[in-house]
Protein backbone atom coordinates (compact mmCIF):
# COMPACT_ATOMS: atom_id res chain seq x y z
CA MET A 1 -5.81 -23.86 -19.18
CA ASP A 2 -8.93 -23.65 -21.33
CA VAL A 3 -8.34 -20.22 -22.87
CA LYS A 4 -11.81 -19.89 -24.39
CA LYS A 5 -13.53 -20.61 -21.06
CA PHE A 6 -11.18 -18.22 -19.25
CA ILE A 7 -12.08 -15.40 -21.64
CA GLU A 8 -15.81 -16.09 -21.33
CA ARG A 9 -15.61 -16.20 -17.53
CA GLN A 10 -13.62 -12.97 -17.23
CA VAL A 11 -15.85 -11.09 -19.64
CA GLU A 12 -18.92 -12.12 -17.63
CA GLU A 13 -17.26 -11.25 -14.32
CA ILE A 14 -16.32 -7.78 -15.58
CA LYS A 15 -19.90 -7.22 -16.80
CA GLU A 16 -21.36 -8.33 -13.47
CA THR A 17 -18.91 -6.31 -11.38
CA VAL A 18 -19.20 -3.04 -13.31
CA GLY A 19 -22.95 -3.35 -13.91
CA ASN A 20 -24.32 -0.17 -15.47
CA ASN A 21 -21.35 1.90 -14.32
CA LYS A 22 -18.31 3.06 -16.27
CA ALA A 23 -14.73 1.82 -15.98
CA ILE A 24 -11.26 2.98 -16.94
CA SER A 25 -8.61 0.65 -18.28
CA ALA A 26 -4.97 1.38 -17.44
CA LEU A 27 -3.03 0.64 -20.63
CA SER A 28 0.76 0.76 -20.90
CA GLY A 29 1.05 -1.13 -24.18
CA GLY A 30 2.63 -4.19 -22.58
CA VAL A 31 1.06 -7.60 -22.99
CA ASP A 32 -0.59 -7.70 -19.53
CA SER A 33 -2.38 -4.36 -19.68
CA SER A 34 -3.22 -4.92 -23.37
CA VAL A 35 -4.94 -8.25 -22.66
CA ALA A 36 -6.80 -6.80 -19.67
CA THR A 37 -7.96 -3.90 -21.86
CA LEU A 38 -9.25 -6.21 -24.60
CA LEU A 39 -11.18 -8.30 -22.07
CA ALA A 40 -12.70 -5.15 -20.59
CA HIS A 41 -13.54 -3.73 -24.01
CA ARG A 42 -15.28 -6.97 -24.97
CA ALA A 43 -17.30 -6.79 -21.75
CA LEU A 44 -18.13 -3.09 -21.60
CA GLY A 45 -17.82 -1.61 -25.09
CA ASN A 46 -18.18 2.18 -25.05
CA ARG A 47 -18.59 2.23 -21.25
CA LEU A 48 -14.84 1.62 -21.05
CA GLN A 49 -12.41 4.51 -21.24
CA THR A 50 -8.83 3.48 -22.01
CA ILE A 51 -6.05 5.68 -20.66
CA PHE A 52 -2.31 5.67 -21.24
CA ILE A 53 -0.28 7.71 -18.76
CA ASP A 54 2.74 9.35 -20.37
CA HIS A 55 5.01 9.58 -17.33
CA GLY A 56 8.14 10.30 -19.36
CA LEU A 57 9.67 6.91 -18.54
CA MET A 58 8.67 4.90 -21.62
CA ARG A 59 10.82 3.65 -24.48
CA GLU A 60 11.34 5.70 -27.65
CA LYS A 61 8.07 6.62 -29.44
CA GLU A 62 6.10 4.24 -27.22
CA PRO A 63 3.04 6.46 -26.54
CA GLU A 64 2.49 7.08 -30.27
CA GLU A 65 3.04 3.44 -31.21
CA VAL A 66 0.61 2.18 -28.56
CA LYS A 67 -2.07 4.67 -29.64
CA THR A 68 -1.72 3.59 -33.29
CA ALA A 69 -1.81 -0.13 -32.45
CA PHE A 70 -5.01 0.15 -30.42
CA ALA A 71 -6.70 2.43 -32.93
CA ARG A 72 -6.38 -0.49 -35.35
CA LEU A 73 -8.20 -2.65 -32.79
CA GLY A 74 -11.03 -0.13 -32.61
CA ILE A 75 -10.04 1.18 -29.18
CA ASP A 76 -9.65 4.92 -28.74
CA LEU A 77 -6.78 5.67 -26.40
CA GLN A 78 -6.52 8.82 -24.32
CA ILE A 79 -2.95 9.88 -23.49
CA VAL A 80 -2.54 11.81 -20.24
CA ASP A 81 0.65 13.86 -19.96
CA ALA A 82 1.85 13.44 -16.37
CA ARG A 83 5.60 13.71 -16.94
CA ASN A 84 6.20 16.61 -14.57
CA GLU A 85 4.16 14.93 -11.84
CA PHE A 86 6.15 11.69 -11.98
CA PHE A 87 9.58 13.32 -12.13
CA GLU A 88 8.64 15.49 -9.16
CA ALA A 89 7.54 12.37 -7.23
CA LEU A 90 10.85 10.64 -7.99
CA LYS A 91 13.04 13.69 -7.37
CA GLY A 92 15.84 13.10 -4.87
CA LYS A 93 14.99 9.43 -4.33
CA THR A 94 17.76 6.84 -4.71
CA ASP A 95 16.54 3.86 -2.67
CA PRO A 96 14.93 1.25 -4.99
CA GLU A 97 11.91 0.62 -2.76
CA ASP A 98 11.33 4.34 -2.20
CA LYS A 99 11.33 4.89 -5.96
CA ARG A 100 8.84 2.08 -6.58
CA LYS A 101 6.50 3.39 -3.88
CA ALA A 102 6.78 6.96 -5.19
CA PHE A 103 5.90 5.74 -8.67
CA ARG A 104 2.93 3.80 -7.32
CA GLN A 105 1.61 6.82 -5.42
CA ALA A 106 1.90 9.06 -8.49
CA PHE A 107 0.37 6.38 -10.74
CA TYR A 108 -2.79 5.94 -8.69
CA LYS A 109 -3.06 9.64 -7.91
CA VAL A 110 -3.22 10.41 -11.64
CA PHE A 111 -5.69 7.60 -12.29
CA GLY A 112 -7.78 8.66 -9.30
CA ARG A 113 -8.09 12.10 -10.87
CA GLU A 114 -9.10 10.62 -14.23
CA VAL A 115 -11.63 8.27 -12.65
CA LEU A 116 -13.21 11.20 -10.80
CA ARG A 117 -13.29 13.29 -13.98
CA SER A 118 -14.92 10.52 -16.03
CA LYS A 119 -17.34 9.52 -13.23
CA ALA A 120 -16.14 5.93 -13.52
CA ARG A 121 -16.13 3.66 -10.48
CA TYR A 122 -13.65 0.99 -11.54
CA LEU A 123 -10.05 0.82 -12.71
CA ILE A 124 -9.12 -2.27 -14.73
CA GLN A 125 -5.45 -3.23 -14.75
CA GLY A 126 -3.20 -6.06 -15.90
CA THR A 127 -1.87 -7.39 -12.60
CA ILE A 128 -0.60 -10.98 -13.00
CA ALA A 129 0.30 -13.73 -10.53
CA ALA A 130 4.04 -12.99 -10.52
CA ASP A 131 3.37 -9.37 -9.45
CA ILE A 132 1.38 -10.54 -6.43
CA ILE A 133 3.85 -13.27 -5.44
CA GLU A 134 6.87 -10.94 -5.53
CA THR A 135 5.15 -8.14 -3.61
CA ARG A 136 3.68 -10.38 -0.92
CA GLY A 137 6.98 -12.20 -0.58
CA GLY A 138 8.85 -8.95 -0.01
CA VAL A 139 11.06 -9.39 -3.09
CA LYS A 140 10.05 -5.96 -4.41
CA THR A 141 6.98 -3.74 -4.46
CA GLN A 142 5.15 -3.98 -7.77
CA HIS A 143 3.39 -0.69 -8.49
CA ASN A 144 0.05 -2.36 -9.34
CA ILE A 145 -0.42 -4.23 -6.06
CA LEU A 146 -2.75 -2.60 -3.53
CA GLU A 147 -5.53 -4.74 -2.06
CA GLN A 148 -3.24 -7.78 -1.72
CA ILE A 149 -1.09 -5.86 0.78
CA GLY A 150 -3.92 -4.17 2.66
CA ILE A 151 -4.26 -0.89 0.74
CA ASP A 152 -7.87 0.10 0.04
CA PRO A 153 -7.89 1.81 -3.40
CA GLU A 154 -11.43 3.12 -2.93
CA LYS A 155 -10.51 4.85 0.32
CA GLY A 156 -7.10 6.04 -0.86
CA PHE A 157 -7.77 6.95 -4.48
CA GLY A 158 -11.53 6.86 -5.06
CA PHE A 159 -12.03 3.75 -7.18
CA LYS A 160 -12.35 -0.02 -7.05
CA ILE A 161 -9.91 -2.27 -8.91
CA ILE A 162 -10.63 -5.16 -11.28
CA GLU A 163 -7.74 -7.52 -12.11
CA PRO A 164 -8.89 -10.16 -14.63
CA LEU A 165 -5.40 -11.66 -15.05
CA LYS A 166 -4.29 -11.95 -11.44
CA GLU A 167 -4.33 -15.78 -11.50
CA LEU A 168 -2.20 -16.09 -14.66
CA PHE A 169 1.52 -16.17 -15.38
CA LYS A 170 3.11 -14.43 -18.36
CA HIS A 171 2.99 -17.36 -20.80
CA GLU A 172 -0.71 -17.87 -20.03
CA VAL A 173 -1.42 -14.17 -20.58
CA ARG A 174 0.20 -14.45 -24.01
CA GLU A 175 -2.13 -17.35 -24.87
CA VAL A 176 -5.15 -15.27 -23.92
CA GLY A 177 -3.86 -12.32 -25.93
CA LYS A 178 -3.43 -14.47 -29.01
CA ALA A 179 -6.96 -15.87 -28.65
CA LEU A 180 -8.37 -12.34 -28.31
CA GLY A 181 -6.79 -11.30 -31.60
CA LEU A 182 -4.06 -9.15 -30.11
CA PRO A 183 -1.37 -8.44 -32.75
CA GLU A 184 1.71 -10.66 -32.45
CA MET A 185 3.92 -7.59 -32.03
CA ILE A 186 2.11 -6.97 -28.73
CA PHE A 187 1.41 -10.42 -27.27
CA LYS A 188 4.99 -11.50 -28.01
CA ARG A 189 6.56 -8.31 -26.69
CA MET A 190 9.29 -8.53 -24.12
CA PRO A 191 7.97 -7.74 -20.63
CA PHE A 192 8.34 -4.09 -19.67
CA PRO A 193 7.90 -3.09 -16.01
CA GLY A 194 5.13 -0.76 -14.85
CA PRO A 195 7.58 1.84 -13.49
CA ALA A 196 9.24 1.56 -16.90
CA LEU A 197 12.76 2.95 -17.27
CA ALA A 198 12.78 4.07 -13.63
CA THR A 199 13.50 0.43 -12.74
CA ARG A 200 16.61 0.55 -14.92
CA ILE A 201 18.30 3.55 -13.37
CA ILE A 202 20.44 3.10 -10.27
CA GLY A 203 20.31 6.28 -8.23
CA GLU A 204 18.14 9.32 -8.85
CA VAL A 205 15.75 9.34 -11.80
CA THR A 206 16.04 12.56 -13.83
CA PRO A 207 14.88 13.41 -17.37
CA GLU A 208 18.51 13.47 -18.54
CA ARG A 209 19.32 10.05 -17.09
CA VAL A 210 16.10 8.59 -18.49
CA GLU A 211 16.99 9.84 -21.98
CA LEU A 212 20.40 8.18 -21.73
CA VAL A 213 19.04 4.77 -20.74
CA ARG A 214 16.24 5.15 -23.31
CA LYS A 215 18.83 5.42 -26.10
CA ALA A 216 20.78 2.44 -24.75
CA THR A 217 17.56 0.40 -24.48
CA ARG A 218 16.79 0.98 -28.16
CA ILE A 219 20.24 -0.28 -29.15
CA VAL A 220 20.00 -3.37 -26.91
CA GLU A 221 16.55 -4.28 -28.24
CA GLU A 222 17.66 -3.82 -31.86
CA GLU A 223 20.79 -5.95 -31.51
CA LEU A 224 19.25 -8.75 -29.42
CA ALA A 225 15.93 -9.02 -31.29
CA PRO A 226 17.18 -11.88 -33.53
CA LEU A 227 17.89 -13.97 -30.39
CA GLN A 228 14.28 -13.53 -29.16
CA PRO A 229 15.13 -13.39 -25.43
CA PHE A 230 12.39 -13.38 -22.82
CA GLN A 231 13.62 -9.95 -21.73
CA ALA A 232 16.56 -7.73 -22.67
CA PHE A 233 17.39 -4.19 -21.60
CA ALA A 234 20.01 -1.65 -20.54
CA VAL A 235 20.65 -0.42 -17.00
CA LEU A 236 22.31 2.88 -16.10
CA MET A 237 24.61 2.65 -13.10
CA ASN A 238 25.04 5.43 -10.54
CA ASP A 239 28.84 5.62 -10.41
CA MET A 240 30.96 7.05 -13.19
CA GLY A 241 33.77 5.13 -14.88
CA THR A 242 37.07 6.21 -16.37
CA GLY A 243 37.51 6.15 -20.13
CA VAL A 244 39.98 7.50 -22.66
CA GLU A 245 39.35 10.01 -25.44
CA ALA A 246 42.04 11.50 -27.67
CA GLY A 247 44.66 10.15 -25.27
CA LYS A 248 43.14 11.91 -22.29
CA ARG A 249 41.13 10.71 -19.32
CA LYS A 250 37.36 10.98 -19.62
CA PHE A 251 34.78 10.24 -16.92
CA GLY A 252 31.53 8.80 -18.19
CA ASN A 253 28.53 6.62 -17.48
CA ILE A 254 28.40 2.83 -17.13
CA ILE A 255 25.74 0.76 -18.89
CA ILE A 256 24.92 -2.83 -17.90
CA ILE A 257 23.22 -5.07 -20.46
CA ARG A 258 20.81 -7.69 -19.11
CA SER A 259 19.20 -10.42 -21.22
CA VAL A 260 17.42 -13.48 -19.80
CA GLU A 261 15.45 -16.57 -20.77
CA SER A 262 12.34 -17.45 -18.76
CA GLN A 263 8.79 -18.71 -19.05
CA ASP A 264 6.99 -17.24 -16.07
CA ALA A 265 9.45 -14.58 -14.77
CA MET A 266 9.74 -16.45 -11.46
CA THR A 267 13.11 -17.92 -12.48
CA ALA A 268 15.47 -16.89 -15.28
CA GLN A 269 18.79 -17.75 -16.88
CA PRO A 270 21.13 -15.34 -18.70
CA THR A 271 20.94 -15.43 -22.49
CA PRO A 272 24.08 -16.93 -24.09
CA VAL A 273 24.71 -13.91 -26.31
CA PRO A 274 27.41 -14.51 -28.98
CA TRP A 275 30.64 -12.61 -28.46
CA ASP A 276 30.39 -10.69 -31.73
CA VAL A 277 26.96 -9.39 -30.69
CA LEU A 278 28.28 -8.26 -27.31
CA THR A 279 31.23 -6.43 -28.86
CA ARG A 280 28.92 -4.77 -31.38
CA LEU A 281 26.64 -3.67 -28.53
CA ALA A 282 29.56 -2.12 -26.66
CA SER A 283 30.74 -0.36 -29.81
CA ARG A 284 27.32 1.03 -30.70
CA ILE A 285 26.45 2.20 -27.19
CA THR A 286 29.74 4.03 -26.61
CA SER A 287 29.78 5.60 -30.09
CA GLU A 288 26.09 6.55 -30.29
CA ILE A 289 25.94 7.70 -26.66
CA PRO A 290 29.22 9.60 -26.01
CA GLU A 291 28.33 10.02 -22.32
CA VAL A 292 28.91 6.26 -21.85
CA VAL A 293 32.48 4.98 -21.45
CA ARG A 294 31.88 1.42 -20.20
CA VAL A 295 29.49 -1.40 -21.16
CA ALA A 296 29.19 -4.72 -19.30
CA TYR A 297 27.05 -7.84 -19.72
CA GLU A 298 25.46 -9.32 -16.59
CA ILE A 299 25.20 -13.11 -16.24
CA THR A 300 23.43 -13.61 -12.90
CA PRO A 301 20.42 -15.97 -12.97
CA LYS A 302 17.19 -15.50 -11.00
CA PRO A 303 17.58 -16.39 -8.19
CA PRO A 304 19.76 -15.01 -6.61
CA ALA A 305 19.17 -11.85 -8.69
CA THR A 306 15.82 -10.51 -9.85
CA ILE A 307 15.36 -9.84 -13.56
CA GLU A 308 15.00 -6.08 -13.16
CA TYR A 309 17.59 -4.11 -11.21
CA ILE A 310 15.35 -2.30 -8.72
């Protein structure tokens, strides 16, 4: 891929599509939405409004860190607090597909409101090829796929969508990000799903369960960072396990650790994590999060498993 030509073409296409209108960029802080935002900013300048939805499902301190990072790039980021709205949408839902669809509905409902308020006509988002392939193939519903499965965003939510990265895979998006001057800490970040920590909770998503998996995620990322995996995270299971504390039985949560190597997210192999790292992970998670009594490491490749759990 000729990265320079790709950037030039996408910038021109965004300019032509938006015309004299305004647009909103949906930024999560991940590499895909960050690259899409930089392309849009280069094309539209101050006619672009960049919005980060705080849905309460992000990693520790993520909203603040994303705002700081983009301020350094000269992009003012508006944070919209929609935590109550998202938790209400997810309340009582345990089926993986139901949760993904509920997240998608809440996501575009919030953005529809912001688009209407700003009088913008377009929403720019970081959909990539893998998102489209998995949704069309019925593997799982990606929250940012609408038109490709017959949903009209203008009719349903009041805006048109621009997806400058929809033909690229993850490694190609990273190349574009590097060429655009995106900080290495962003363009080399591990992929993080749109529905965020909701994809890493088996069963109902509640604020308390999100906080638990958020703490475990921080520990996993800290311990596995030296190995530089494609993706590494913690998953909170639905069932409780039996542990022992002070010689007595104790019921607690179960955390699964997942770490994989991949290039395009279409296939993946488990990371060969050294035994001493795994034992340290188990020790830290159970000591720093007393509600957890069991920690396991998952070794299933993709396929047959997907990288994320739901």
